[in-house]
Structure formats: C-alpha cells, structure tokens
C-alpha atoms as a PDB file:
ATOM      1  CA  MET A   1       9.943  31.366 -18.270  1.00  0.00           C
ATOM      2  CA  ALA A   2       6.183  30.199 -17.811  1.00  0.00           C
ATOM      3  CA  LYS A   3       6.860  27.213 -19.909  1.00  0.00           C
ATOM      4  CA  ASP A   4       9.689  26.519 -17.622  1.00  0.00           C
ATOM      5  CA  ILE A   5       7.729  26.631 -14.624  1.00  0.00           C
ATOM      6  CA  THR A   6       4.452  23.951 -16.643  1.00  0.00           C
ATOM      7  CA  LYS A   7       7.366  21.446 -17.475  1.00  0.00           C
ATOM      8  CA  ILE A   8       8.714  21.713 -14.202  1.00  0.00           C
ATOM      9  CA  ILE A   9       5.161  21.353 -12.699  1.00  0.00           C
ATOM     10  CA  ARG A  10       4.134  18.351 -15.057  1.00  0.00           C
ATOM     11  CA  SER A  11       7.685  16.666 -14.307  1.00  0.00           C
ATOM     12  CA  LEU A  12       6.398  16.806 -10.351  1.00  0.00           C
ATOM     13  CA  GLN A  13       2.806  15.635 -11.729  1.00  0.00           C
ATOM     14  CA  THR A  14       4.201  12.813 -13.383  1.00  0.00           C
ATOM     15  CA  CYS A  15       6.394  11.157 -10.877  1.00  0.00           C
ATOM     16  CA  ALA A  16       3.705  11.729  -8.231  1.00  0.00           C
ATOM     17  CA  VAL A  17       1.448   9.825 -10.207  1.00  0.00           C
ATOM     18  CA  ASN A  18       4.162   7.379 -11.333  1.00  0.00           C
ATOM     19  CA  ARG A  19       4.825   6.750  -7.798  1.00  0.00           C
ATOM     20  CA  CYS A  20       1.259   6.298  -6.485  1.00  0.00           C
ATOM     21  CA  ARG A  21       0.947   3.717  -9.520  1.00  0.00           C
ATOM     22  CA  GLU A  22       3.797   1.355  -7.827  1.00  0.00           C
ATOM     23  CA  ARG A  23       2.731   2.079  -4.805  1.00  0.00           C
ATOM     24  CA  LEU A  24      -1.084   0.612  -5.844  1.00  0.00           C
ATOM     25  CA  ASP A  25       0.674  -2.503  -7.973  1.00  0.00           C
ATOM     26  CA  GLU A  26       2.122  -2.979  -4.961  1.00  0.00           C
ATOM     27  CA  ALA A  27      -0.919  -2.927  -3.021  1.00  0.00           C
ATOM     28  CA  ALA A  28      -2.441  -5.230  -4.851  1.00  0.00           C
ATOM     29  CA  ILE A  29       0.207  -7.853  -4.947  1.00  0.00           C
ATOM     30  CA  LYS A  30       0.257  -7.867  -1.227  1.00  0.00           C
ATOM     31  CA  ALA A  31      -3.800  -8.203  -0.876  1.00  0.00           C
ATOM     32  CA  ARG A  32      -3.563 -11.254  -4.014  1.00  0.00           C
ATOM     33  CA  ASP A  33      -1.112 -12.943  -1.515  1.00  0.00           C
ATOM     34  CA  LEU A  34      -3.031 -12.716   1.685  1.00  0.00           C
ATOM     35  CA  ILE A  35      -6.024 -14.018  -0.268  1.00  0.00           C
ATOM     36  CA  THR A  36      -4.361 -16.898  -1.689  1.00  0.00           C
ATOM     37  CA  ARG A  37      -3.028 -17.452   2.127  1.00  0.00           C
ATOM     38  CA  GLY A  38      -6.700 -17.593   3.323  1.00  0.00           C
ATOM     39  CA  GLU A  39      -7.940 -19.585   0.837  1.00  0.00           C
ATOM     40  CA  ASN A  40      -5.391 -22.151   1.731  1.00  0.00           C
ATOM     41  CA  GLY A  41      -5.932 -21.716   5.921  1.00  0.00           C
ATOM     42  CA  ASP A  42      -2.604 -21.246   6.029  1.00  0.00           C
ATOM     43  CA  GLU A  43      -2.979 -17.548   8.901  1.00  0.00           C
ATOM     44  CA  LYS A  44      -6.171 -19.156  10.647  1.00  0.00           C
ATOM     45  CA  GLY A  45      -5.133 -18.300  13.681  1.00  0.00           C
ATOM     46  CA  LYS A  46      -1.848 -15.475  13.163  1.00  0.00           C
ATOM     47  CA  ALA A  47      -4.678 -12.948  13.078  1.00  0.00           C
ATOM     48  CA  HIS A  48      -4.927 -12.424  17.066  1.00  0.00           C
ATOM     49  CA  GLU A  49      -1.588 -13.879  17.793  1.00  0.00           C
ATOM     50  CA  LYS A  50      -0.030 -10.482  19.034  1.00  0.00           C
ATOM     51  CA  PRO A  51      -2.265  -7.959  20.994  1.00  0.00           C
ATOM     52  CA  ASP A  52      -2.866  -4.862  18.980  1.00  0.00           C
ATOM     53  CA  TYR A  53      -1.681  -1.717  21.564  1.00  0.00           C
ATOM     54  CA  GLY A  54      -2.306   1.855  19.079  1.00  0.00           C
ATOM     55  CA  VAL A  55      -4.504   2.981  16.264  1.00  0.00           C
ATOM     56  CA  THR A  56      -1.653   2.632  14.372  1.00  0.00           C
ATOM     57  CA  SER A  57      -0.837  -1.241  14.568  1.00  0.00           C
ATOM     58  CA  VAL A  58      -3.918  -1.598  14.102  1.00  0.00           C
ATOM     59  CA  LEU A  59      -4.259  -0.069  10.801  1.00  0.00           C
ATOM     60  CA  LYS A  60      -0.600  -1.663   9.479  1.00  0.00           C
ATOM     61  CA  ARG A  61      -1.824  -5.151  10.850  1.00  0.00           C
ATOM     62  CA  ARG A  62      -5.393  -4.965   8.791  1.00  0.00           C
ATOM     63  CA  HIS A  63      -4.911  -2.321   6.228  1.00  0.00           C
ATOM     64  CA  GLY A  64      -1.047  -3.141   5.502  1.00  0.00           C
ATOM     65  CA  LEU A  65      -0.502   1.005   5.763  1.00  0.00           C
END
C-alpha cells in the first residue's frame, strides 16, 4: 500500500516538474522574441499606447504573467 502511494506522489511530482519546465521554456522563447523586437526597434512607441488600469494588467504587460 505504501509503495502505491509513493508511486502516485512521484508521478504527480514528475508531472508538476514537467509542466514547470514547459512554462519556463515558453517564457524563454517569449523573452527572446521581445529582445529581438526591441533590438530591431519595432516596439519603440507601443509600450505606452494603452493605459494600465490595475496591478494585474501591469504585471501581464511587464512580465507576461
């Protein structure tokens, strides 16, 4: 019985770690895209087009959350 619970816990842990890795990879790709756009000058005036109304929208815009 204890081995079954241990297997379940390890599989849940593995799934969680894999999902975190996927999210980190997606964030890295997004950051690379933003850096390359910034170097090309495509996004110069677009950062302040829309006013930010709340903390959530500021975090989404700045950090991609």
